[in-house]
Amino acid sequence: MIWNPALAAGLTFQVRFHDLRHAHASWLLAGGADIQVVKERMGHSSVTTTQKYLHTLPNADHAAVTALNTIRKRST
């Protein structure tokens, strides 16, 4: 009821369902959502998959991802 009419809205670029998932995950992370929560919402089996969405954040760098992995390893 929503997807097909949205596609017919005359956009000048192709929108895929995956684009909506990507935007959702990226916006959650940009808004400060916990990466574990985003992982679960997206249905990812590994946080490594979710980390790929961090590339869209201008201030997310390799050190931040490394720190996240370090903390995750301590909690298991």
N, C-alpha and C. Protein backbone atom coordinates (compact mmCIF):
# COMPACT_ATOMS: atom_id res chain seq x y z
N MET A 1 0.82 -1.20 0.00
CA MET A 1 0.00 0.00 0.00
C MET A 1 0.86 1.26 0.00
N ILE A 2 2.09 1.16 0.45
CA ILE A 2 2.94 2.35 0.52
C ILE A 2 4.09 2.28 -0.48
N TRP A 3 4.70 1.10 -0.59
CA TRP A 3 5.91 0.96 -1.41
C TRP A 3 5.64 1.28 -2.89
N ASN A 4 4.66 0.65 -3.50
CA ASN A 4 4.40 0.87 -4.93
C ASN A 4 4.01 2.30 -5.25
N PRO A 5 3.12 2.95 -4.48
CA PRO A 5 2.84 4.36 -4.77
C PRO A 5 4.08 5.25 -4.61
N ALA A 6 4.93 4.91 -3.66
CA ALA A 6 6.15 5.70 -3.48
C ALA A 6 7.05 5.58 -4.70
N LEU A 7 7.13 4.38 -5.26
CA LEU A 7 7.94 4.18 -6.46
C LEU A 7 7.38 4.95 -7.65
N ALA A 8 6.09 5.16 -7.68
CA ALA A 8 5.44 5.86 -8.79
C ALA A 8 5.44 7.37 -8.60
N ALA A 9 6.17 7.86 -7.61
CA ALA A 9 6.15 9.29 -7.28
C ALA A 9 6.97 10.14 -8.23
N GLY A 10 7.58 9.52 -9.23
CA GLY A 10 8.33 10.30 -10.21
C GLY A 10 9.75 10.60 -9.79
N LEU A 11 10.34 9.76 -8.96
CA LEU A 11 11.73 9.97 -8.56
C LEU A 11 12.64 9.80 -9.77
N THR A 12 13.72 10.53 -9.80
CA THR A 12 14.65 10.46 -10.93
C THR A 12 15.75 9.43 -10.70
N PHE A 13 15.63 8.64 -9.64
CA PHE A 13 16.61 7.59 -9.37
C PHE A 13 15.85 6.35 -8.90
N GLN A 14 16.49 5.21 -9.04
CA GLN A 14 15.86 3.95 -8.65
C GLN A 14 16.00 3.74 -7.15
N VAL A 15 14.91 3.41 -6.48
CA VAL A 15 14.91 3.13 -5.05
C VAL A 15 14.62 1.65 -4.86
N ARG A 16 15.48 1.01 -4.09
CA ARG A 16 15.29 -0.40 -3.79
C ARG A 16 14.89 -0.54 -2.32
N PHE A 17 14.27 -1.66 -2.00
CA PHE A 17 13.89 -1.92 -0.61
C PHE A 17 15.13 -1.89 0.28
N HIS A 18 16.26 -2.39 -0.23
CA HIS A 18 17.50 -2.38 0.55
C HIS A 18 17.90 -0.95 0.92
N ASP A 19 17.61 0.00 0.06
CA ASP A 19 17.95 1.39 0.35
C ASP A 19 17.23 1.88 1.61
N LEU A 20 15.99 1.43 1.79
CA LEU A 20 15.25 1.81 3.00
C LEU A 20 15.88 1.18 4.24
N ARG A 21 16.28 -0.09 4.14
CA ARG A 21 16.96 -0.75 5.26
C ARG A 21 18.26 -0.02 5.61
N HIS A 22 19.00 0.33 4.57
CA HIS A 22 20.28 1.02 4.78
C HIS A 22 20.06 2.37 5.46
N ALA A 23 19.08 3.11 4.98
CA ALA A 23 18.78 4.41 5.58
C ALA A 23 18.34 4.25 7.04
N HIS A 24 17.50 3.26 7.29
CA HIS A 24 17.01 3.02 8.65
C HIS A 24 18.17 2.76 9.61
N ALA A 25 19.06 1.84 9.23
CA ALA A 25 20.20 1.50 10.09
C ALA A 25 21.12 2.71 10.26
N SER A 26 21.40 3.40 9.19
CA SER A 26 22.30 4.55 9.26
C SER A 26 21.73 5.65 10.15
N TRP A 27 20.44 5.92 10.02
CA TRP A 27 19.82 6.97 10.84
C TRP A 27 19.78 6.58 12.31
N LEU A 28 19.54 5.31 12.59
CA LEU A 28 19.57 4.85 13.99
C LEU A 28 20.95 5.07 14.59
N LEU A 29 21.98 4.66 13.87
CA LEU A 29 23.35 4.82 14.37
C LEU A 29 23.72 6.29 14.50
N ALA A 30 23.34 7.10 13.53
CA ALA A 30 23.64 8.53 13.59
C ALA A 30 22.93 9.20 14.77
N GLY A 31 21.77 8.66 15.14
CA GLY A 31 21.02 9.21 16.25
C GLY A 31 21.51 8.72 17.60
N GLY A 32 22.52 7.85 17.60
CA GLY A 32 23.10 7.39 18.85
C GLY A 32 22.59 6.06 19.34
N ALA A 33 21.85 5.32 18.50
CA ALA A 33 21.36 4.01 18.92
C ALA A 33 22.53 3.06 19.13
N ASP A 34 22.37 2.17 20.08
CA ASP A 34 23.39 1.17 20.37
C ASP A 34 23.51 0.22 19.17
N ILE A 35 24.73 -0.09 18.78
CA ILE A 35 24.94 -0.93 17.60
C ILE A 35 24.34 -2.32 17.78
N GLN A 36 24.31 -2.83 19.00
CA GLN A 36 23.72 -4.14 19.26
C GLN A 36 22.20 -4.10 19.01
N VAL A 37 21.58 -3.01 19.39
CA VAL A 37 20.14 -2.85 19.15
C VAL A 37 19.86 -2.77 17.65
N VAL A 38 20.68 -2.02 16.93
CA VAL A 38 20.51 -1.91 15.48
C VAL A 38 20.73 -3.27 14.83
N LYS A 39 21.72 -4.01 15.28
CA LYS A 39 21.99 -5.36 14.78
C LYS A 39 20.75 -6.23 14.90
N GLU A 40 20.13 -6.20 16.06
CA GLU A 40 18.93 -7.01 16.29
C GLU A 40 17.76 -6.56 15.44
N ARG A 41 17.57 -5.24 15.32
CA ARG A 41 16.46 -4.73 14.50
C ARG A 41 16.62 -5.11 13.04
N MET A 42 17.88 -5.14 12.57
CA MET A 42 18.14 -5.46 11.18
C MET A 42 18.12 -6.95 10.92
N GLY A 43 18.18 -7.75 11.99
CA GLY A 43 18.19 -9.20 11.82
C GLY A 43 19.55 -9.75 11.42
N HIS A 44 20.60 -8.98 11.69
CA HIS A 44 21.94 -9.45 11.37
C HIS A 44 22.40 -10.49 12.38
N SER A 45 23.09 -11.50 11.92
CA SER A 45 23.60 -12.52 12.83
C SER A 45 24.91 -12.09 13.47
N SER A 46 25.59 -11.14 12.86
CA SER A 46 26.88 -10.67 13.37
C SER A 46 26.91 -9.14 13.40
N VAL A 47 27.52 -8.60 14.43
CA VAL A 47 27.65 -7.14 14.52
C VAL A 47 28.58 -6.61 13.43
N THR A 48 29.42 -7.48 12.88
CA THR A 48 30.30 -7.07 11.79
C THR A 48 29.49 -6.59 10.59
N THR A 49 28.39 -7.24 10.33
CA THR A 49 27.51 -6.81 9.23
C THR A 49 26.94 -5.43 9.52
N THR A 50 26.52 -5.20 10.75
CA THR A 50 25.94 -3.92 11.14
C THR A 50 26.99 -2.81 11.07
N GLN A 51 28.22 -3.13 11.38
CA GLN A 51 29.30 -2.14 11.36
C GLN A 51 29.47 -1.51 9.99
N LYS A 52 29.06 -2.21 8.95
CA LYS A 52 29.19 -1.67 7.59
C LYS A 52 28.38 -0.39 7.42
N TYR A 53 27.35 -0.22 8.24
CA TYR A 53 26.52 0.99 8.15
C TYR A 53 27.19 2.19 8.81
N LEU A 54 28.25 1.97 9.54
CA LEU A 54 28.95 3.07 10.18
C LEU A 54 29.67 3.96 9.18
N HIS A 55 29.92 3.46 7.97
CA HIS A 55 30.63 4.26 6.97
C HIS A 55 29.87 5.52 6.60
N THR A 56 28.59 5.54 6.86
CA THR A 56 27.79 6.71 6.48
C THR A 56 27.89 7.84 7.49
N LEU A 57 28.52 7.57 8.63
CA LEU A 57 28.65 8.59 9.66
C LEU A 57 29.97 9.32 9.49
N PRO A 58 29.93 10.64 9.37
CA PRO A 58 31.16 11.39 9.11
C PRO A 58 32.20 11.28 10.22
N ASN A 59 31.79 11.05 11.46
CA ASN A 59 32.76 11.00 12.54
C ASN A 59 33.05 9.59 13.03
N ALA A 60 32.57 8.60 12.32
CA ALA A 60 32.86 7.21 12.69
C ALA A 60 34.15 6.81 11.97
N ASP A 61 35.13 6.42 12.75
CA ASP A 61 36.39 6.02 12.13
C ASP A 61 36.82 4.65 12.64
N HIS A 62 37.92 4.20 12.14
CA HIS A 62 38.40 2.86 12.47
C HIS A 62 38.61 2.68 13.96
N ALA A 63 39.09 3.70 14.64
CA ALA A 63 39.34 3.61 16.08
C ALA A 63 38.05 3.35 16.86
N ALA A 64 36.96 3.97 16.42
CA ALA A 64 35.68 3.77 17.12
C ALA A 64 35.20 2.33 16.97
N VAL A 65 35.34 1.79 15.78
CA VAL A 65 34.92 0.41 15.54
C VAL A 65 35.81 -0.55 16.33
N THR A 66 37.11 -0.27 16.38
CA THR A 66 38.03 -1.09 17.15
C THR A 66 37.68 -1.07 18.63
N ALA A 67 37.34 0.11 19.15
CA ALA A 67 36.95 0.23 20.55
C ALA A 67 35.68 -0.58 20.82
N LEU A 68 34.74 -0.54 19.91
CA LEU A 68 33.50 -1.30 20.07
C LEU A 68 33.81 -2.80 20.13
N ASN A 69 34.65 -3.26 19.25
CA ASN A 69 35.01 -4.68 19.24
C ASN A 69 35.71 -5.08 20.53
N THR A 70 36.56 -4.22 21.05
CA THR A 70 37.27 -4.51 22.29
C THR A 70 36.30 -4.67 23.45
N ILE A 71 35.33 -3.78 23.54
CA ILE A 71 34.35 -3.85 24.62
C ILE A 71 33.47 -5.09 24.47
N ARG A 72 33.07 -5.39 23.26
CA ARG A 72 32.23 -6.57 23.03
C ARG A 72 32.96 -7.85 23.44
N LYS A 73 34.25 -7.94 23.16
CA LYS A 73 35.01 -9.13 23.51
C LYS A 73 35.15 -9.28 25.01
N ARG A 74 35.22 -8.19 25.74
CA ARG A 74 35.32 -8.24 27.20
C ARG A 74 34.04 -8.75 27.83
N SER A 75 32.90 -8.46 27.20
CA SER A 75 31.61 -8.81 27.82
C SER A 75 31.21 -10.26 27.57
N THR A 76 31.93 -10.97 26.72
CA THR A 76 31.57 -12.36 26.45
C THR A 76 32.42 -13.34 27.22
